[in-house]
Protein backbone atom coordinates (compact mmCIF):
# COMPACT_ATOMS: atom_id res chain seq x y z
CA UNK A 1 0.00 0.00 0.00
CA UNK A 2 1.16 3.49 -0.81
CA UNK A 3 0.12 6.87 0.49
CA UNK A 4 -3.45 7.91 -0.13
CA UNK A 5 -3.42 11.59 0.86
CA UNK A 6 -7.10 11.69 1.84
CA UNK A 7 -6.80 8.57 4.00
CA UNK A 8 -3.60 9.82 5.64
CA UNK A 9 -5.18 13.20 6.32
CA UNK A 10 -8.18 11.55 7.99
CA UNK A 11 -6.01 9.22 10.08
CA UNK A 12 -3.78 12.09 11.21
CA UNK A 13 -6.82 13.99 12.48
CA UNK A 14 -8.15 10.88 14.24
CA UNK A 15 -4.90 9.81 15.87
CA UNK A 16 -3.22 13.13 16.64
CA UNK A 17 -6.14 15.57 16.97
CA UNK A 18 -4.96 17.74 14.15
CA UNK A 19 -6.97 20.37 12.33
CA UNK A 20 -7.82 19.85 8.68
CA UNK A 21 -5.13 22.32 7.62
CA UNK A 22 -2.48 20.68 9.78
CA UNK A 23 -3.32 17.18 8.60
CA UNK A 24 -3.52 18.30 4.96
CA UNK A 25 -0.04 19.82 4.92
CA UNK A 26 1.48 16.72 6.53
CA UNK A 27 -0.27 14.44 4.03
CA UNK A 28 1.01 16.60 1.17
CA UNK A 29 4.58 16.54 2.50
CA UNK A 30 4.38 12.77 3.01
CA UNK A 31 3.26 12.30 -0.59
CA UNK A 32 6.10 14.56 -1.78
CA UNK A 33 8.60 12.56 0.27
CA UNK A 34 7.28 9.30 -1.17
CA UNK A 35 7.40 10.69 -4.72
CA UNK A 36 11.00 11.79 -4.23
CA UNK A 37 12.10 8.21 -3.54
CA UNK A 38 14.56 9.48 -0.92
CA UNK A 39 13.07 7.64 2.06
CA UNK A 40 12.99 4.30 0.27
CA UNK A 41 16.53 4.79 -1.04
CA UNK A 42 17.85 5.64 2.44
CA UNK A 43 15.95 3.07 4.49
CA UNK A 44 15.07 0.31 2.04
CA UNK A 45 11.46 0.65 3.19
CA UNK A 46 8.56 1.84 1.07
CA UNK A 47 6.89 4.93 2.53
CA UNK A 48 3.25 4.13 3.26
CA UNK A 49 0.46 5.65 5.31
CA UNK A 50 1.16 3.09 8.03
CA UNK A 51 4.86 3.93 8.16
CA UNK A 52 4.10 7.64 8.51
CA UNK A 53 1.59 7.01 11.30
CA UNK A 54 3.96 4.69 13.17
CA UNK A 55 6.84 7.14 12.95
CA UNK A 56 4.71 10.10 14.03
CA UNK A 57 3.38 8.09 16.97
CA UNK A 58 6.97 7.94 18.28
CA UNK A 59 7.21 11.72 18.53
CA UNK A 60 7.08 13.02 22.09
CA UNK A 61 4.02 15.25 21.59
CA UNK A 62 2.24 17.77 19.41
CA UNK A 63 -0.10 17.81 16.49
CA UNK A 64 0.64 16.35 13.07
CA UNK A 65 3.02 19.13 11.88
CA UNK A 66 5.06 19.09 15.10
CA UNK A 67 5.29 15.32 15.00
CA UNK A 68 6.17 15.39 11.28
CA UNK A 69 8.93 17.92 11.86
CA UNK A 70 10.30 15.83 14.73
CA UNK A 71 10.50 12.80 12.42
CA UNK A 72 11.91 14.78 9.49
CA UNK A 73 14.53 16.19 11.87
CA UNK A 74 15.61 12.71 12.88
CA UNK A 75 15.82 11.67 9.22
CA UNK A 76 17.88 14.80 8.52
CA UNK A 77 20.31 13.86 11.29
CA UNK A 78 20.54 10.25 10.16
CA UNK A 79 20.76 10.72 6.39
CA UNK A 80 20.77 14.39 5.45
CA UNK A 81 18.72 15.95 2.69
CA UNK A 82 15.34 15.93 4.44
CA UNK A 83 15.13 19.58 5.48
CA UNK A 84 13.11 20.45 2.36
CA UNK A 85 10.30 18.22 3.62
CA UNK A 86 9.91 20.11 6.90
CA UNK A 87 6.84 22.22 7.58
CA UNK A 88 7.38 25.90 8.29
CA UNK A 89 3.77 27.09 8.35
CA UNK A 90 0.30 26.18 7.16
CA UNK A 91 -3.24 27.49 7.09
CA UNK A 92 -5.73 26.22 9.60
C-alpha atoms as a PDB file:
ATOM      1  CA  UNK A   1       0.000   0.000   0.000  1.00  0.00           C
ATOM      2  CA  UNK A   2       1.165   3.494  -0.812  1.00  0.00           C
ATOM      3  CA  UNK A   3       0.125   6.874   0.494  1.00  0.00           C
ATOM      4  CA  UNK A   4      -3.453   7.912  -0.130  1.00  0.00           C
ATOM      5  CA  UNK A   5      -3.416  11.591   0.859  1.00  0.00           C
ATOM      6  CA  UNK A   6      -7.096  11.686   1.839  1.00  0.00           C
ATOM      7  CA  UNK A   7      -6.795   8.570   4.000  1.00  0.00           C
ATOM      8  CA  UNK A   8      -3.598   9.824   5.643  1.00  0.00           C
ATOM      9  CA  UNK A   9      -5.181  13.204   6.323  1.00  0.00           C
ATOM     10  CA  UNK A  10      -8.185  11.554   7.990  1.00  0.00           C
ATOM     11  CA  UNK A  11      -6.013   9.222  10.078  1.00  0.00           C
ATOM     12  CA  UNK A  12      -3.785  12.087  11.212  1.00  0.00           C
ATOM     13  CA  UNK A  13      -6.823  13.987  12.479  1.00  0.00           C
ATOM     14  CA  UNK A  14      -8.147  10.877  14.240  1.00  0.00           C
ATOM     15  CA  UNK A  15      -4.897   9.806  15.871  1.00  0.00           C
ATOM     16  CA  UNK A  16      -3.217  13.127  16.638  1.00  0.00           C
ATOM     17  CA  UNK A  17      -6.137  15.568  16.967  1.00  0.00           C
ATOM     18  CA  UNK A  18      -4.962  17.742  14.148  1.00  0.00           C
ATOM     19  CA  UNK A  19      -6.965  20.372  12.334  1.00  0.00           C
ATOM     20  CA  UNK A  20      -7.819  19.852   8.677  1.00  0.00           C
ATOM     21  CA  UNK A  21      -5.128  22.320   7.622  1.00  0.00           C
ATOM     22  CA  UNK A  22      -2.480  20.682   9.782  1.00  0.00           C
ATOM     23  CA  UNK A  23      -3.320  17.181   8.600  1.00  0.00           C
ATOM     24  CA  UNK A  24      -3.523  18.300   4.957  1.00  0.00           C
ATOM     25  CA  UNK A  25      -0.043  19.821   4.923  1.00  0.00           C
ATOM     26  CA  UNK A  26       1.481  16.720   6.526  1.00  0.00           C
ATOM     27  CA  UNK A  27      -0.270  14.443   4.033  1.00  0.00           C
ATOM     28  CA  UNK A  28       1.009  16.599   1.168  1.00  0.00           C
ATOM     29  CA  UNK A  29       4.576  16.540   2.496  1.00  0.00           C
ATOM     30  CA  UNK A  30       4.378  12.771   3.015  1.00  0.00           C
ATOM     31  CA  UNK A  31       3.263  12.298  -0.594  1.00  0.00           C
ATOM     32  CA  UNK A  32       6.099  14.555  -1.784  1.00  0.00           C
ATOM     33  CA  UNK A  33       8.597  12.559   0.274  1.00  0.00           C
ATOM     34  CA  UNK A  34       7.276   9.304  -1.171  1.00  0.00           C
ATOM     35  CA  UNK A  35       7.399  10.687  -4.715  1.00  0.00           C
ATOM     36  CA  UNK A  36      11.003  11.794  -4.227  1.00  0.00           C
ATOM     37  CA  UNK A  37      12.101   8.209  -3.540  1.00  0.00           C
ATOM     38  CA  UNK A  38      14.561   9.481  -0.925  1.00  0.00           C
ATOM     39  CA  UNK A  39      13.069   7.639   2.063  1.00  0.00           C
ATOM     40  CA  UNK A  40      12.987   4.303   0.268  1.00  0.00           C
ATOM     41  CA  UNK A  41      16.531   4.787  -1.038  1.00  0.00           C
ATOM     42  CA  UNK A  42      17.851   5.635   2.440  1.00  0.00           C
ATOM     43  CA  UNK A  43      15.946   3.073   4.489  1.00  0.00           C
ATOM     44  CA  UNK A  44      15.074   0.306   2.043  1.00  0.00           C
ATOM     45  CA  UNK A  45      11.459   0.650   3.190  1.00  0.00           C
ATOM     46  CA  UNK A  46       8.562   1.844   1.072  1.00  0.00           C
ATOM     47  CA  UNK A  47       6.891   4.931   2.534  1.00  0.00           C
ATOM     48  CA  UNK A  48       3.252   4.131   3.256  1.00  0.00           C
ATOM     49  CA  UNK A  49       0.463   5.650   5.310  1.00  0.00           C
ATOM     50  CA  UNK A  50       1.159   3.088   8.031  1.00  0.00           C
ATOM     51  CA  UNK A  51       4.863   3.927   8.160  1.00  0.00           C
ATOM     52  CA  UNK A  52       4.099   7.635   8.510  1.00  0.00           C
ATOM     53  CA  UNK A  53       1.586   7.013  11.303  1.00  0.00           C
ATOM     54  CA  UNK A  54       3.958   4.689  13.170  1.00  0.00           C
ATOM     55  CA  UNK A  55       6.838   7.143  12.946  1.00  0.00           C
ATOM     56  CA  UNK A  56       4.708  10.100  14.027  1.00  0.00           C
ATOM     57  CA  UNK A  57       3.380   8.087  16.975  1.00  0.00           C
ATOM     58  CA  UNK A  58       6.973   7.935  18.283  1.00  0.00           C
ATOM     59  CA  UNK A  59       7.210  11.721  18.531  1.00  0.00           C
ATOM     60  CA  UNK A  60       7.079  13.021  22.095  1.00  0.00           C
ATOM     61  CA  UNK A  61       4.016  15.250  21.587  1.00  0.00           C
ATOM     62  CA  UNK A  62       2.245  17.773  19.415  1.00  0.00           C
ATOM     63  CA  UNK A  63      -0.104  17.806  16.491  1.00  0.00           C
ATOM     64  CA  UNK A  64       0.640  16.346  13.069  1.00  0.00           C
ATOM     65  CA  UNK A  65       3.017  19.133  11.883  1.00  0.00           C
ATOM     66  CA  UNK A  66       5.056  19.088  15.095  1.00  0.00           C
ATOM     67  CA  UNK A  67       5.287  15.317  15.001  1.00  0.00           C
ATOM     68  CA  UNK A  68       6.169  15.393  11.283  1.00  0.00           C
ATOM     69  CA  UNK A  69       8.934  17.921  11.863  1.00  0.00           C
ATOM     70  CA  UNK A  70      10.303  15.834  14.728  1.00  0.00           C
ATOM     71  CA  UNK A  71      10.499  12.803  12.423  1.00  0.00           C
ATOM     72  CA  UNK A  72      11.908  14.780   9.493  1.00  0.00           C
ATOM     73  CA  UNK A  73      14.534  16.195  11.872  1.00  0.00           C
ATOM     74  CA  UNK A  74      15.613  12.713  12.882  1.00  0.00           C
ATOM     75  CA  UNK A  75      15.824  11.671   9.217  1.00  0.00           C
ATOM     76  CA  UNK A  76      17.884  14.802   8.521  1.00  0.00           C
ATOM     77  CA  UNK A  77      20.306  13.859  11.295  1.00  0.00           C
ATOM     78  CA  UNK A  78      20.535  10.248  10.162  1.00  0.00           C
ATOM     79  CA  UNK A  79      20.764  10.718   6.392  1.00  0.00           C
ATOM     80  CA  UNK A  80      20.768  14.393   5.454  1.00  0.00           C
ATOM     81  CA  UNK A  81      18.721  15.954   2.689  1.00  0.00           C
ATOM     82  CA  UNK A  82      15.341  15.930   4.441  1.00  0.00           C
ATOM     83  CA  UNK A  83      15.131  19.578   5.475  1.00  0.00           C
ATOM     84  CA  UNK A  84      13.112  20.451   2.357  1.00  0.00           C
ATOM     85  CA  UNK A  85      10.302  18.217   3.620  1.00  0.00           C
ATOM     86  CA  UNK A  86       9.912  20.106   6.899  1.00  0.00           C
ATOM     87  CA  UNK A  87       6.842  22.225   7.581  1.00  0.00           C
ATOM     88  CA  UNK A  88       7.382  25.900   8.291  1.00  0.00           C
ATOM     89  CA  UNK A  89       3.766  27.091   8.349  1.00  0.00           C
ATOM     90  CA  UNK A  90       0.300  26.176   7.163  1.00  0.00           C
ATOM     91  CA  UNK A  91      -3.235  27.487   7.086  1.00  0.00           C
ATOM     92  CA  UNK A  92      -5.735  26.220   9.603  1.00  0.00           C
END
